[in-house]
Protein backbone atom coordinates (compact mmCIF):
# COMPACT_ATOMS: atom_id res chain seq x y z
CA MET A 1 4.34 -14.34 16.81
CA THR A 2 5.17 -14.58 13.13
CA VAL A 3 1.96 -16.46 12.31
CA LYS A 4 -0.11 -13.70 13.90
CA LYS A 5 1.98 -11.03 12.16
CA ASP A 6 1.68 -12.75 8.77
CA ARG A 7 -2.09 -13.09 9.16
CA MET A 8 -2.34 -9.43 10.13
CA ASP A 9 -0.22 -8.44 7.10
CA MET A 10 -2.55 -10.31 4.75
CA LEU A 11 -5.68 -8.94 6.43
CA ILE A 12 -4.45 -5.35 6.27
CA GLN A 13 -3.41 -5.77 2.62
CA ARG A 14 -6.85 -7.09 1.66
CA GLU A 15 -8.77 -4.44 3.57
CA VAL A 16 -6.61 -1.49 2.43
CA SER A 17 -6.99 -2.69 -1.18
CA ASN A 18 -10.77 -2.74 -0.78
CA ILE A 19 -10.76 0.69 0.85
CA LEU A 20 -8.65 2.18 -1.95
CA GLN A 21 -10.81 0.56 -4.61
CA PHE A 22 -14.28 1.34 -3.25
CA GLU A 23 -14.06 4.13 -0.67
CA ILE A 24 -11.52 6.68 -1.99
CA LYS A 25 -13.35 8.74 -4.59
CA ASP A 26 -10.46 10.94 -5.81
CA PRO A 27 -10.03 10.51 -9.60
CA LYS A 28 -6.40 11.68 -9.39
CA LEU A 29 -5.52 8.51 -7.48
CA GLY A 30 -5.85 6.39 -10.60
CA PHE A 31 -5.17 2.68 -10.60
CA VAL A 32 -3.31 1.73 -7.43
CA THR A 33 -2.27 -1.75 -6.32
CA VAL A 34 -1.26 -2.75 -2.79
CA THR A 35 1.67 -5.08 -3.42
CA ASP A 36 2.74 -5.87 0.13
CA VAL A 37 2.20 -4.99 3.78
CA GLN A 38 4.81 -5.42 6.49
CA CYS A 39 3.86 -4.82 10.12
CA THR A 40 6.33 -4.31 12.93
CA ASN A 41 6.53 -7.03 15.57
CA ASP A 42 4.36 -5.07 18.01
CA LEU A 43 1.80 -4.31 15.24
CA SER A 44 2.04 -0.56 15.81
CA ILE A 45 3.21 0.42 12.32
CA ALA A 46 2.26 -1.10 8.98
CA LYS A 47 4.34 -0.33 5.90
CA VAL A 48 1.99 -0.48 2.92
CA TYR A 49 3.79 -0.89 -0.42
CA VAL A 50 1.79 0.45 -3.36
CA SER A 51 2.38 0.64 -7.09
CA PHE A 52 0.65 2.83 -9.64
CA LEU A 53 -0.13 2.35 -13.29
CA GLY A 54 1.25 5.21 -15.32
CA LYS A 55 4.02 7.76 -15.41
CA GLN A 56 6.06 9.19 -12.55
CA GLU A 57 3.96 12.38 -12.28
CA ARG A 58 0.86 10.28 -11.73
CA ASN A 59 2.73 8.20 -9.13
CA ASP A 60 3.74 11.32 -7.22
CA ALA A 61 0.18 12.66 -7.28
CA GLY A 62 -1.12 9.30 -6.07
CA MET A 63 1.36 9.21 -3.18
CA LYS A 64 0.30 12.73 -2.13
CA ILE A 65 -3.35 11.66 -2.13
CA LEU A 66 -2.59 8.53 -0.10
CA ASN A 67 -0.56 10.44 2.47
CA LYS A 68 -3.27 13.09 2.75
CA SER A 69 -6.04 10.53 3.27
CA LYS A 70 -4.00 8.32 5.61
CA GLY A 71 -6.20 9.10 8.63
CA PHE A 72 -9.43 8.35 6.75
CA ILE A 73 -8.04 5.02 5.52
CA ARG A 74 -6.87 4.12 9.02
CA SER A 75 -10.27 4.91 10.55
CA LEU A 76 -12.04 2.71 7.98
CA LEU A 77 -9.48 -0.03 8.57
CA ALA A 78 -10.07 0.14 12.33
CA LYS A 79 -13.80 -0.37 11.78
CA ARG A 80 -13.22 -3.39 9.53
CA ILE A 81 -10.66 -5.34 11.56
CA LYS A 82 -11.16 -6.28 15.16
CA ILE A 83 -7.94 -5.48 17.03
CA ARG A 84 -7.25 -3.38 20.08
CA LYS A 85 -5.13 -0.76 18.34
CA CYS A 86 -5.08 -0.16 14.61
CA PRO A 87 -1.53 0.23 13.26
CA GLU A 88 -0.27 3.50 11.84
CA LEU A 89 -0.06 3.31 8.05
CA LEU A 90 3.07 4.30 6.14
CA PHE A 91 2.61 4.29 2.37
CA ILE A 92 5.75 3.44 0.40
CA GLN A 93 5.97 3.40 -3.37
CA ASP A 94 6.98 -0.05 -4.66
CA THR A 95 9.51 0.25 -7.47
CA THR A 96 10.39 -3.41 -7.96
CA LEU A 97 8.50 -3.62 -11.26
CA ASP A 98 10.39 -0.62 -12.66
CA ASN A 99 13.69 -2.10 -11.52
CA ALA A 100 12.84 -5.47 -13.08
CA ASN A 101 11.93 -3.81 -16.39
CA ARG A 102 15.17 -1.81 -16.35
CA ILE A 103 17.28 -4.93 -15.68
CA GLU A 104 15.42 -6.86 -18.37
CA LYS A 105 16.10 -4.07 -20.87
CA ILE A 106 19.80 -4.05 -19.99
CA LEU A 107 20.00 -7.83 -20.41
CA SER A 108 18.19 -7.75 -23.75
CA ASP A 109 20.58 -5.04 -25.00
CA LEU A 110 23.52 -7.30 -24.27
């Protein structure tokens, strides 16, 4: 089951990235990167981790846009991948880069 789940994770990540890059026309979204996708074992829910380039206000605006257009993205994803039931998308902001920068700054101050 993990091989199928891992393949589905990679496929959803690639397709959602393409959808966000070419299909979403909102200029407030800015530069968004899909860093990871984790599906549940039954492939009913996909957690999509995204990161934004810019300040926190821009990140919050981007998350609002993604959550508002979640249904549109899911419908395009269902047309592009051939599975019986398209998973529900949950967008989560990925903060690992911010945490890494903060830890690096603390270490350099020491």
